[in-house]
Amino acid sequence: MFADVHLDAAGLRRHAARALAAAAELDELMPIAYTLTGPTHI
């Protein structure tokens, strides 16, 4: 039942890479959202 909770090192690296890619994408989108909506508190 808890087997899928454990991630091996390769899985962790994949998740880290995905998280970094998502953060970079968010970094690109935030200025656009800022210009469209003005300052917003998320």
N, C-alpha and C. Protein backbone atom coordinates (compact mmCIF):
# COMPACT_ATOMS: atom_id res chain seq x y z
N MET A 1 0.83 -1.21 0.00
CA MET A 1 0.00 0.00 0.00
C MET A 1 0.86 1.26 0.00
N PHE A 2 1.97 1.21 0.76
CA PHE A 2 2.82 2.39 0.85
C PHE A 2 4.01 2.33 -0.11
N ALA A 3 4.01 1.33 -0.97
CA ALA A 3 5.16 1.13 -1.86
C ALA A 3 5.36 2.34 -2.78
N ASP A 4 4.26 2.93 -3.25
CA ASP A 4 4.39 4.02 -4.20
C ASP A 4 4.82 5.33 -3.53
N VAL A 5 4.83 5.35 -2.20
CA VAL A 5 5.29 6.55 -1.50
C VAL A 5 6.80 6.67 -1.60
N HIS A 6 7.48 5.52 -1.61
CA HIS A 6 8.94 5.53 -1.69
C HIS A 6 9.38 5.85 -3.10
N LEU A 7 10.27 6.82 -3.23
CA LEU A 7 10.83 7.16 -4.54
C LEU A 7 12.32 6.87 -4.52
N ASP A 8 12.80 6.26 -5.59
CA ASP A 8 14.24 6.04 -5.67
C ASP A 8 14.92 7.34 -6.11
N ALA A 9 16.25 7.32 -6.13
CA ALA A 9 17.00 8.55 -6.42
C ALA A 9 16.65 9.09 -7.81
N ALA A 10 16.51 8.20 -8.78
CA ALA A 10 16.18 8.66 -10.13
C ALA A 10 14.81 9.33 -10.14
N GLY A 11 13.86 8.75 -9.41
CA GLY A 11 12.53 9.35 -9.33
C GLY A 11 12.58 10.73 -8.69
N LEU A 12 13.38 10.86 -7.63
CA LEU A 12 13.51 12.15 -6.97
C LEU A 12 14.12 13.19 -7.90
N ARG A 13 15.14 12.77 -8.68
CA ARG A 13 15.74 13.71 -9.62
C ARG A 13 14.74 14.13 -10.69
N ARG A 14 13.90 13.17 -11.14
CA ARG A 14 12.88 13.51 -12.13
C ARG A 14 11.91 14.53 -11.56
N HIS A 15 11.47 14.31 -10.32
CA HIS A 15 10.53 15.24 -9.69
C HIS A 15 11.18 16.61 -9.51
N ALA A 16 12.46 16.63 -9.11
CA ALA A 16 13.15 17.90 -8.92
C ALA A 16 13.25 18.65 -10.25
N ALA A 17 13.59 17.92 -11.32
CA ALA A 17 13.71 18.56 -12.63
C ALA A 17 12.36 19.11 -13.07
N ARG A 18 11.30 18.35 -12.82
CA ARG A 18 9.95 18.80 -13.20
C ARG A 18 9.58 20.05 -12.39
N ALA A 19 9.91 20.05 -11.11
CA ALA A 19 9.59 21.20 -10.26
C ALA A 19 10.36 22.44 -10.72
N LEU A 20 11.63 22.25 -11.08
CA LEU A 20 12.43 23.37 -11.56
C LEU A 20 11.87 23.91 -12.87
N ALA A 21 11.46 23.01 -13.75
CA ALA A 21 10.88 23.45 -15.02
C ALA A 21 9.59 24.22 -14.79
N ALA A 22 8.78 23.73 -13.86
CA ALA A 22 7.52 24.43 -13.54
C ALA A 22 7.81 25.80 -12.96
N ALA A 23 8.82 25.89 -12.09
CA ALA A 23 9.18 27.18 -11.50
C ALA A 23 9.67 28.15 -12.55
N ALA A 24 10.47 27.66 -13.50
CA ALA A 24 10.98 28.52 -14.56
C ALA A 24 9.83 29.01 -15.44
N GLU A 25 8.88 28.12 -15.70
CA GLU A 25 7.73 28.48 -16.51
C GLU A 25 6.90 29.54 -15.79
N LEU A 26 6.73 29.35 -14.47
CA LEU A 26 5.98 30.31 -13.66
C LEU A 26 6.68 31.66 -13.67
N ASP A 27 8.02 31.64 -13.61
CA ASP A 27 8.80 32.87 -13.65
C ASP A 27 8.55 33.64 -14.94
N GLU A 28 8.35 32.92 -16.04
CA GLU A 28 8.10 33.59 -17.32
C GLU A 28 6.68 34.12 -17.38
N LEU A 29 5.75 33.41 -16.74
CA LEU A 29 4.35 33.80 -16.84
C LEU A 29 3.97 34.91 -15.86
N MET A 30 4.66 35.00 -14.74
CA MET A 30 4.27 35.98 -13.73
C MET A 30 4.30 37.43 -14.22
N PRO A 31 5.35 37.86 -14.94
CA PRO A 31 5.33 39.25 -15.44
C PRO A 31 4.14 39.51 -16.36
N ILE A 32 3.76 38.53 -17.16
CA ILE A 32 2.62 38.68 -18.06
C ILE A 32 1.34 38.83 -17.24
N ALA A 33 1.18 37.94 -16.25
CA ALA A 33 0.00 38.02 -15.39
C ALA A 33 -0.01 39.34 -14.63
N TYR A 34 1.17 39.80 -14.23
CA TYR A 34 1.27 41.05 -13.48
C TYR A 34 0.81 42.23 -14.33
N THR A 35 1.23 42.26 -15.60
CA THR A 35 0.84 43.37 -16.46
C THR A 35 -0.64 43.31 -16.78
N LEU A 36 -1.20 42.10 -16.84
CA LEU A 36 -2.62 41.97 -17.15
C LEU A 36 -3.50 42.34 -15.96
N THR A 37 -3.11 41.90 -14.78
CA THR A 37 -4.00 42.04 -13.63
C THR A 37 -3.55 43.10 -12.65
N GLY A 38 -2.31 43.56 -12.76
CA GLY A 38 -1.77 44.44 -11.74
C GLY A 38 -1.34 43.60 -10.55
N PRO A 39 -0.89 44.25 -9.48
CA PRO A 39 -0.42 43.50 -8.32
C PRO A 39 -1.54 42.68 -7.70
N THR A 40 -1.30 41.39 -7.52
CA THR A 40 -2.27 40.54 -6.86
C THR A 40 -1.53 39.72 -5.82
N HIS A 41 -2.21 39.40 -4.75
CA HIS A 41 -1.61 38.57 -3.71
C HIS A 41 -2.09 37.15 -3.88
N ILE A 42 -1.17 36.25 -4.16
CA ILE A 42 -1.54 34.86 -4.39
C ILE A 42 -1.21 34.05 -3.15
